[in-house]
């Protein structure tokens, strides 16, 4: 059974930083793309960043220059370094991985507030 376990969310002041981690386990096939989505209250889930299996990255315009996605294939883990956080980054952040189909983590809350 594939599991994605996220960690690293929390409360941070505007301008602060957080690092999210997501470890994948329980699979028998190669992991394809890995990434992060987020969902703010009353809004649809949106893409934040993707790290493709080929090594390229894509970011939402709203986070470019502030967030960095990275991937450690040896640890089956994807990270999201979030700097210069803004109030509007407040959301539940979900890790996702494509392993023949798309899997999701349980979500981790990120709250940016003074």
C-alpha atoms as a PDB file:
ATOM      1  CA  UNK A   1       0.000   0.000   0.000  1.00  0.00           C
ATOM      2  CA  UNK A   2       1.488   3.287  -1.116  1.00  0.00           C
ATOM      3  CA  UNK A   3       1.817   5.890   1.640  1.00  0.00           C
ATOM      4  CA  UNK A   4       2.898   9.510   1.465  1.00  0.00           C
ATOM      5  CA  UNK A   5       3.765  10.989   4.856  1.00  0.00           C
ATOM      6  CA  UNK A   6       4.221  14.738   5.104  1.00  0.00           C
ATOM      7  CA  UNK A   7       5.888  16.766   7.827  1.00  0.00           C
ATOM      8  CA  UNK A   8       7.125  20.282   8.481  1.00  0.00           C
ATOM      9  CA  UNK A   9       4.000  22.413   8.493  1.00  0.00           C
ATOM     10  CA  UNK A  10       3.179  24.910  11.206  1.00  0.00           C
ATOM     11  CA  UNK A  11       2.705  28.544  12.135  1.00  0.00           C
ATOM     12  CA  UNK A  12       5.160  31.127  10.843  1.00  0.00           C
ATOM     13  CA  UNK A  13       5.267  34.913  10.686  1.00  0.00           C
ATOM     14  CA  UNK A  14       5.162  36.744   7.352  1.00  0.00           C
ATOM     15  CA  UNK A  15       8.613  36.768   5.819  1.00  0.00           C
ATOM     16  CA  UNK A  16       9.547  33.557   7.567  1.00  0.00           C
ATOM     17  CA  UNK A  17      10.494  30.149   6.202  1.00  0.00           C
ATOM     18  CA  UNK A  18       9.319  26.559   6.464  1.00  0.00           C
ATOM     19  CA  UNK A  19      10.498  23.311   4.938  1.00  0.00           C
ATOM     20  CA  UNK A  20       8.016  20.577   4.077  1.00  0.00           C
ATOM     21  CA  UNK A  21       9.031  16.948   3.605  1.00  0.00           C
ATOM     22  CA  UNK A  22       7.163  14.020   2.085  1.00  0.00           C
ATOM     23  CA  UNK A  23       8.378  10.432   2.262  1.00  0.00           C
ATOM     24  CA  UNK A  24       6.915   7.758  -0.026  1.00  0.00           C
ATOM     25  CA  UNK A  25       6.737   4.105   0.970  1.00  0.00           C
ATOM     26  CA  UNK A  26       4.948   0.889   0.135  1.00  0.00           C
ATOM     27  CA  UNK A  27       5.364   0.887  -3.639  1.00  0.00           C
ATOM     28  CA  UNK A  28       6.693  -1.686  -6.094  1.00  0.00           C
ATOM     29  CA  UNK A  29       7.112   0.469  -9.200  1.00  0.00           C
ATOM     30  CA  UNK A  30       9.262   3.447 -10.076  1.00  0.00           C
ATOM     31  CA  UNK A  31       8.107   6.807  -8.799  1.00  0.00           C
ATOM     32  CA  UNK A  32       7.338   9.283 -11.545  1.00  0.00           C
ATOM     33  CA  UNK A  33       6.732  12.947 -10.944  1.00  0.00           C
ATOM     34  CA  UNK A  34       6.491  14.232  -7.368  1.00  0.00           C
ATOM     35  CA  UNK A  35       5.122  17.517  -6.213  1.00  0.00           C
ATOM     36  CA  UNK A  36       3.104  19.745  -3.937  1.00  0.00           C
ATOM     37  CA  UNK A  37      -0.383  21.200  -4.166  1.00  0.00           C
ATOM     38  CA  UNK A  38      -2.194  23.421  -1.697  1.00  0.00           C
ATOM     39  CA  UNK A  39      -5.770  24.257  -0.798  1.00  0.00           C
ATOM     40  CA  UNK A  40      -6.793  27.385   1.040  1.00  0.00           C
ATOM     41  CA  UNK A  41     -10.187  27.679   2.778  1.00  0.00           C
ATOM     42  CA  UNK A  42     -12.961  28.182   0.230  1.00  0.00           C
ATOM     43  CA  UNK A  43     -10.629  27.686  -2.727  1.00  0.00           C
ATOM     44  CA  UNK A  44      -9.797  24.870  -5.109  1.00  0.00           C
ATOM     45  CA  UNK A  45      -6.666  22.816  -4.735  1.00  0.00           C
ATOM     46  CA  UNK A  46      -3.873  24.330  -6.822  1.00  0.00           C
ATOM     47  CA  UNK A  47      -0.472  23.252  -8.027  1.00  0.00           C
ATOM     48  CA  UNK A  48       2.472  24.702  -6.134  1.00  0.00           C
ATOM     49  CA  UNK A  49       5.474  22.891  -7.594  1.00  0.00           C
ATOM     50  CA  UNK A  50       6.383  19.726  -9.486  1.00  0.00           C
ATOM     51  CA  UNK A  51       9.698  17.876  -9.714  1.00  0.00           C
ATOM     52  CA  UNK A  52       9.542  15.607 -12.737  1.00  0.00           C
ATOM     53  CA  UNK A  53      11.123  12.213 -13.029  1.00  0.00           C
ATOM     54  CA  UNK A  54      13.380  13.701 -15.687  1.00  0.00           C
ATOM     55  CA  UNK A  55      14.756  16.285 -13.279  1.00  0.00           C
ATOM     56  CA  UNK A  56      12.930  19.434 -14.319  1.00  0.00           C
ATOM     57  CA  UNK A  57      10.855  21.655 -12.051  1.00  0.00           C
ATOM     58  CA  UNK A  58       7.739  23.749 -12.520  1.00  0.00           C
ATOM     59  CA  UNK A  59       6.294  26.328 -10.151  1.00  0.00           C
ATOM     60  CA  UNK A  60       3.106  28.287  -9.788  1.00  0.00           C
ATOM     61  CA  UNK A  61       3.702  31.934 -10.683  1.00  0.00           C
ATOM     62  CA  UNK A  62       2.688  32.965  -7.184  1.00  0.00           C
ATOM     63  CA  UNK A  63       5.610  31.096  -5.583  1.00  0.00           C
ATOM     64  CA  UNK A  64       8.378  31.514  -8.151  1.00  0.00           C
ATOM     65  CA  UNK A  65      11.521  32.913  -6.575  1.00  0.00           C
ATOM     66  CA  UNK A  66      10.320  32.109  -3.054  1.00  0.00           C
ATOM     67  CA  UNK A  67       9.748  28.327  -3.017  1.00  0.00           C
ATOM     68  CA  UNK A  68      12.163  25.600  -4.059  1.00  0.00           C
ATOM     69  CA  UNK A  69      11.237  21.973  -4.667  1.00  0.00           C
ATOM     70  CA  UNK A  70      13.866  19.267  -4.384  1.00  0.00           C
ATOM     71  CA  UNK A  71      13.916  15.503  -4.462  1.00  0.00           C
ATOM     72  CA  UNK A  72      16.076  12.789  -2.925  1.00  0.00           C
ATOM     73  CA  UNK A  73      15.480   9.608  -4.922  1.00  0.00           C
ATOM     74  CA  UNK A  74      17.608   7.519  -2.552  1.00  0.00           C
ATOM     75  CA  UNK A  75      15.246   8.456   0.296  1.00  0.00           C
ATOM     76  CA  UNK A  76      12.095   8.527  -1.863  1.00  0.00           C
ATOM     77  CA  UNK A  77      11.445  11.966  -0.446  1.00  0.00           C
ATOM     78  CA  UNK A  78      10.397  15.298  -1.914  1.00  0.00           C
ATOM     79  CA  UNK A  79      10.920  18.624  -0.162  1.00  0.00           C
ATOM     80  CA  UNK A  80       9.471  22.101  -0.451  1.00  0.00           C
ATOM     81  CA  UNK A  81      11.564  24.949   0.917  1.00  0.00           C
ATOM     82  CA  UNK A  82       9.311  27.967   1.420  1.00  0.00           C
ATOM     83  CA  UNK A  83      10.918  31.369   2.002  1.00  0.00           C
ATOM     84  CA  UNK A  84       9.504  34.883   2.262  1.00  0.00           C
ATOM     85  CA  UNK A  85       6.149  33.462   3.251  1.00  0.00           C
ATOM     86  CA  UNK A  86       3.053  35.615   2.831  1.00  0.00           C
ATOM     87  CA  UNK A  87      -0.399  35.547   4.407  1.00  0.00           C
ATOM     88  CA  UNK A  88      -1.772  34.228   1.126  1.00  0.00           C
ATOM     89  CA  UNK A  89       0.433  31.129   1.373  1.00  0.00           C
ATOM     90  CA  UNK A  90      -1.759  29.917   4.239  1.00  0.00           C
ATOM     91  CA  UNK A  91      -3.259  26.589   3.177  1.00  0.00           C
ATOM     92  CA  UNK A  92      -3.182  22.850   3.629  1.00  0.00           C
ATOM     93  CA  UNK A  93      -0.260  21.557   1.589  1.00  0.00           C
ATOM     94  CA  UNK A  94      -0.551  18.140  -0.044  1.00  0.00           C
ATOM     95  CA  UNK A  95       2.259  15.997  -1.336  1.00  0.00           C
ATOM     96  CA  UNK A  96       1.597  13.972  -4.488  1.00  0.00           C
ATOM     97  CA  UNK A  97       3.424  11.257  -6.391  1.00  0.00           C
ATOM     98  CA  UNK A  98       2.693   9.422  -9.626  1.00  0.00           C
ATOM     99  CA  UNK A  99       3.284   5.662  -9.314  1.00  0.00           C
ATOM    100  CA  UNK A 100       1.197   4.241 -12.166  1.00  0.00           C
ATOM    101  CA  UNK A 101      -1.550   6.459 -10.741  1.00  0.00           C
ATOM    102  CA  UNK A 102      -1.587   9.596  -8.629  1.00  0.00           C
ATOM    103  CA  UNK A 103      -1.287   9.295  -4.864  1.00  0.00           C
ATOM    104  CA  UNK A 104      -1.792  11.957  -2.212  1.00  0.00           C
ATOM    105  CA  UNK A 105      -0.569  12.607   1.297  1.00  0.00           C
ATOM    106  CA  UNK A 106      -2.877  13.509   4.142  1.00  0.00           C
ATOM    107  CA  UNK A 107      -1.958  17.197   4.043  1.00  0.00           C
ATOM    108  CA  UNK A 108      -0.077  19.472   6.413  1.00  0.00           C
ATOM    109  CA  UNK A 109      -1.295  22.866   7.579  1.00  0.00           C
ATOM    110  CA  UNK A 110       0.809  25.942   6.882  1.00  0.00           C
ATOM    111  CA  UNK A 111      -0.371  29.146   8.560  1.00  0.00           C
ATOM    112  CA  UNK A 112       1.323  32.473   7.906  1.00  0.00           C
ATOM    113  CA  UNK A 113       0.244  34.981  10.506  1.00  0.00           C
ATOM    114  CA  UNK A 114       1.672  37.673  12.737  1.00  0.00           C
END
